[in-house]
Amino acid sequence: DCPRLAGARPGIANKVMRQRIQLTVSVKVRSHEERVEWVDATHAVVHVRQSPHDGLANTAVLKALAKSLHLGVGQLRMVRGFRGKSKVIEVD
């Protein structure tokens, strides 16, 4: 699941999530299962089944992250790494 803010009260967590946060994401394509492994609060390894063809893997990465963070896909935006395995995702 998504990482928790250490020692934060629920109201504070909501306030922090309203700010834009950048996540560093490493992508593993053609995996057997789709999953998100959190390394720390701002770095994740995302395993997706899709191949990196026509942006299919990028779309799958955003969907998997959104599901893990309990957010809508529209709240995530890829800032860097459109063609590589290392990406920067901004959370609104």
C-alpha atoms as a PDB file:
ATOM      1  CA  ASP A   1       0.000   0.000   0.000  1.00  0.00           C
ATOM      2  CA  CYS A   2       0.953   3.639  -0.057  1.00  0.00           C
ATOM      3  CA  PRO A   3       3.473   4.977   2.441  1.00  0.00           C
ATOM      4  CA  ARG A   4       2.283   6.858   5.515  1.00  0.00           C
ATOM      5  CA  LEU A   5       3.663  10.120   6.762  1.00  0.00           C
ATOM      6  CA  ALA A   6       5.613   9.301   9.914  1.00  0.00           C
ATOM      7  CA  GLY A   7       3.855  10.596  13.014  1.00  0.00           C
ATOM      8  CA  ALA A   8       1.345  12.664  11.058  1.00  0.00           C
ATOM      9  CA  ARG A   9      -2.177  13.196  12.273  1.00  0.00           C
ATOM     10  CA  PRO A  10      -4.990  12.609   9.727  1.00  0.00           C
ATOM     11  CA  GLY A  11      -5.653  16.341   9.202  1.00  0.00           C
ATOM     12  CA  ILE A  12      -1.991  16.999   8.485  1.00  0.00           C
ATOM     13  CA  ALA A  13      -1.817  14.196   5.926  1.00  0.00           C
ATOM     14  CA  ASN A  14      -4.698  15.759   3.985  1.00  0.00           C
ATOM     15  CA  LYS A  15      -3.001  19.156   4.050  1.00  0.00           C
ATOM     16  CA  VAL A  16       0.273  17.683   2.742  1.00  0.00           C
ATOM     17  CA  MET A  17      -1.504  15.819  -0.067  1.00  0.00           C
ATOM     18  CA  ARG A  18      -2.909  19.131  -1.347  1.00  0.00           C
ATOM     19  CA  GLN A  19       0.611  20.246  -2.210  1.00  0.00           C
ATOM     20  CA  ARG A  20       2.321  19.002  -5.328  1.00  0.00           C
ATOM     21  CA  ILE A  21       4.583  16.094  -4.534  1.00  0.00           C
ATOM     22  CA  GLN A  22       7.048  14.517  -6.945  1.00  0.00           C
ATOM     23  CA  LEU A  23       7.547  10.773  -6.924  1.00  0.00           C
ATOM     24  CA  THR A  24      10.504   8.990  -8.471  1.00  0.00           C
ATOM     25  CA  VAL A  25       9.351   5.810 -10.160  1.00  0.00           C
ATOM     26  CA  SER A  26      11.353   2.916 -11.569  1.00  0.00           C
ATOM     27  CA  VAL A  27       9.373   0.824 -14.046  1.00  0.00           C
ATOM     28  CA  LYS A  28       9.621  -2.895 -14.705  1.00  0.00           C
ATOM     29  CA  VAL A  29       7.749  -3.766 -17.911  1.00  0.00           C
ATOM     30  CA  ARG A  30       6.401  -7.153 -19.037  1.00  0.00           C
ATOM     31  CA  SER A  31       5.943  -8.374 -15.443  1.00  0.00           C
ATOM     32  CA  HIS A  32       3.802 -11.349 -14.503  1.00  0.00           C
ATOM     33  CA  GLU A  33       1.681  -9.225 -12.195  1.00  0.00           C
ATOM     34  CA  GLU A  34       0.984  -5.526 -11.749  1.00  0.00           C
ATOM     35  CA  ARG A  35       2.141  -4.173  -8.405  1.00  0.00           C
ATOM     36  CA  VAL A  36       3.716  -1.167  -6.713  1.00  0.00           C
ATOM     37  CA  GLU A  37       6.615  -1.607  -4.286  1.00  0.00           C
ATOM     38  CA  TRP A  38       7.335   1.449  -2.155  1.00  0.00           C
ATOM     39  CA  VAL A  39      11.055   1.929  -1.449  1.00  0.00           C
ATOM     40  CA  ASP A  40      10.395   5.035   0.658  1.00  0.00           C
ATOM     41  CA  ALA A  41       7.811   7.838   0.780  1.00  0.00           C
ATOM     42  CA  THR A  42       8.788   9.299  -2.603  1.00  0.00           C
ATOM     43  CA  HIS A  43      10.274   6.363  -4.524  1.00  0.00           C
ATOM     44  CA  ALA A  44       8.403   3.381  -5.926  1.00  0.00           C
ATOM     45  CA  VAL A  45       9.101   0.439  -8.211  1.00  0.00           C
ATOM     46  CA  VAL A  46       6.095  -0.207 -10.451  1.00  0.00           C
ATOM     47  CA  HIS A  47       5.693  -3.564 -12.195  1.00  0.00           C
ATOM     48  CA  VAL A  48       3.343  -3.537 -15.213  1.00  0.00           C
ATOM     49  CA  ARG A  49       2.352  -6.195 -17.708  1.00  0.00           C
ATOM     50  CA  GLN A  50       2.366  -3.947 -20.764  1.00  0.00           C
ATOM     51  CA  SER A  51       5.299  -3.492 -23.077  1.00  0.00           C
ATOM     52  CA  PRO A  52       6.740  -0.016 -23.633  1.00  0.00           C
ATOM     53  CA  HIS A  53       5.031   0.373 -27.004  1.00  0.00           C
ATOM     54  CA  ASP A  54       2.815   3.349 -27.947  1.00  0.00           C
ATOM     55  CA  GLY A  55       2.779   4.598 -24.346  1.00  0.00           C
ATOM     56  CA  LEU A  56       0.899   1.557 -23.026  1.00  0.00           C
ATOM     57  CA  ALA A  57       3.347   1.041 -20.147  1.00  0.00           C
ATOM     58  CA  ASN A  58       3.186   4.733 -19.172  1.00  0.00           C
ATOM     59  CA  THR A  59      -0.603   4.564 -18.937  1.00  0.00           C
ATOM     60  CA  ALA A  60      -0.390   1.374 -16.885  1.00  0.00           C
ATOM     61  CA  VAL A  61       2.151   2.997 -14.525  1.00  0.00           C
ATOM     62  CA  LEU A  62      -0.163   5.952 -13.871  1.00  0.00           C
ATOM     63  CA  LYS A  63      -3.132   3.633 -13.261  1.00  0.00           C
ATOM     64  CA  ALA A  64      -1.165   1.412 -10.866  1.00  0.00           C
ATOM     65  CA  LEU A  65       0.158   4.404  -8.914  1.00  0.00           C
ATOM     66  CA  ALA A  66      -3.287   5.990  -8.729  1.00  0.00           C
ATOM     67  CA  LYS A  67      -4.734   2.761  -7.357  1.00  0.00           C
ATOM     68  CA  SER A  68      -1.951   2.414  -4.787  1.00  0.00           C
ATOM     69  CA  LEU A  69      -2.322   6.033  -3.630  1.00  0.00           C
ATOM     70  CA  HIS A  70      -6.149   5.897  -3.664  1.00  0.00           C
ATOM     71  CA  LEU A  71      -6.271   8.798  -6.138  1.00  0.00           C
ATOM     72  CA  GLY A  72      -7.745   9.375  -9.552  1.00  0.00           C
ATOM     73  CA  VAL A  73      -5.481   9.027 -12.574  1.00  0.00           C
ATOM     74  CA  GLY A  74      -6.151  12.691 -13.362  1.00  0.00           C
ATOM     75  CA  GLN A  75      -4.388  13.692 -10.148  1.00  0.00           C
ATOM     76  CA  LEU A  76      -1.094  12.248 -11.439  1.00  0.00           C
ATOM     77  CA  ARG A  77       1.043  13.804 -14.148  1.00  0.00           C
ATOM     78  CA  MET A  78       4.212  12.460 -15.715  1.00  0.00           C
ATOM     79  CA  VAL A  79       6.851  15.206 -15.648  1.00  0.00           C
ATOM     80  CA  ARG A  80       9.937  13.350 -16.863  1.00  0.00           C
ATOM     81  CA  GLY A  81      10.889   9.960 -18.246  1.00  0.00           C
ATOM     82  CA  PHE A  82       8.332   9.453 -21.001  1.00  0.00           C
ATOM     83  CA  ARG A  83      10.656   7.090 -22.869  1.00  0.00           C
ATOM     84  CA  GLY A  84      12.783   5.616 -20.098  1.00  0.00           C
ATOM     85  CA  LYS A  85      12.454   3.267 -17.142  1.00  0.00           C
ATOM     86  CA  SER A  86      13.013   6.019 -14.579  1.00  0.00           C
ATOM     87  CA  LYS A  87      10.153   8.518 -14.331  1.00  0.00           C
ATOM     88  CA  VAL A  88       9.119  11.526 -12.269  1.00  0.00           C
ATOM     89  CA  ILE A  89       5.424  11.680 -11.442  1.00  0.00           C
ATOM     90  CA  GLU A  90       3.797  14.761  -9.934  1.00  0.00           C
ATOM     91  CA  VAL A  91       0.861  14.329  -7.571  1.00  0.00           C
ATOM     92  CA  ASP A  92      -1.695  17.145  -7.356  1.00  0.00           C
END
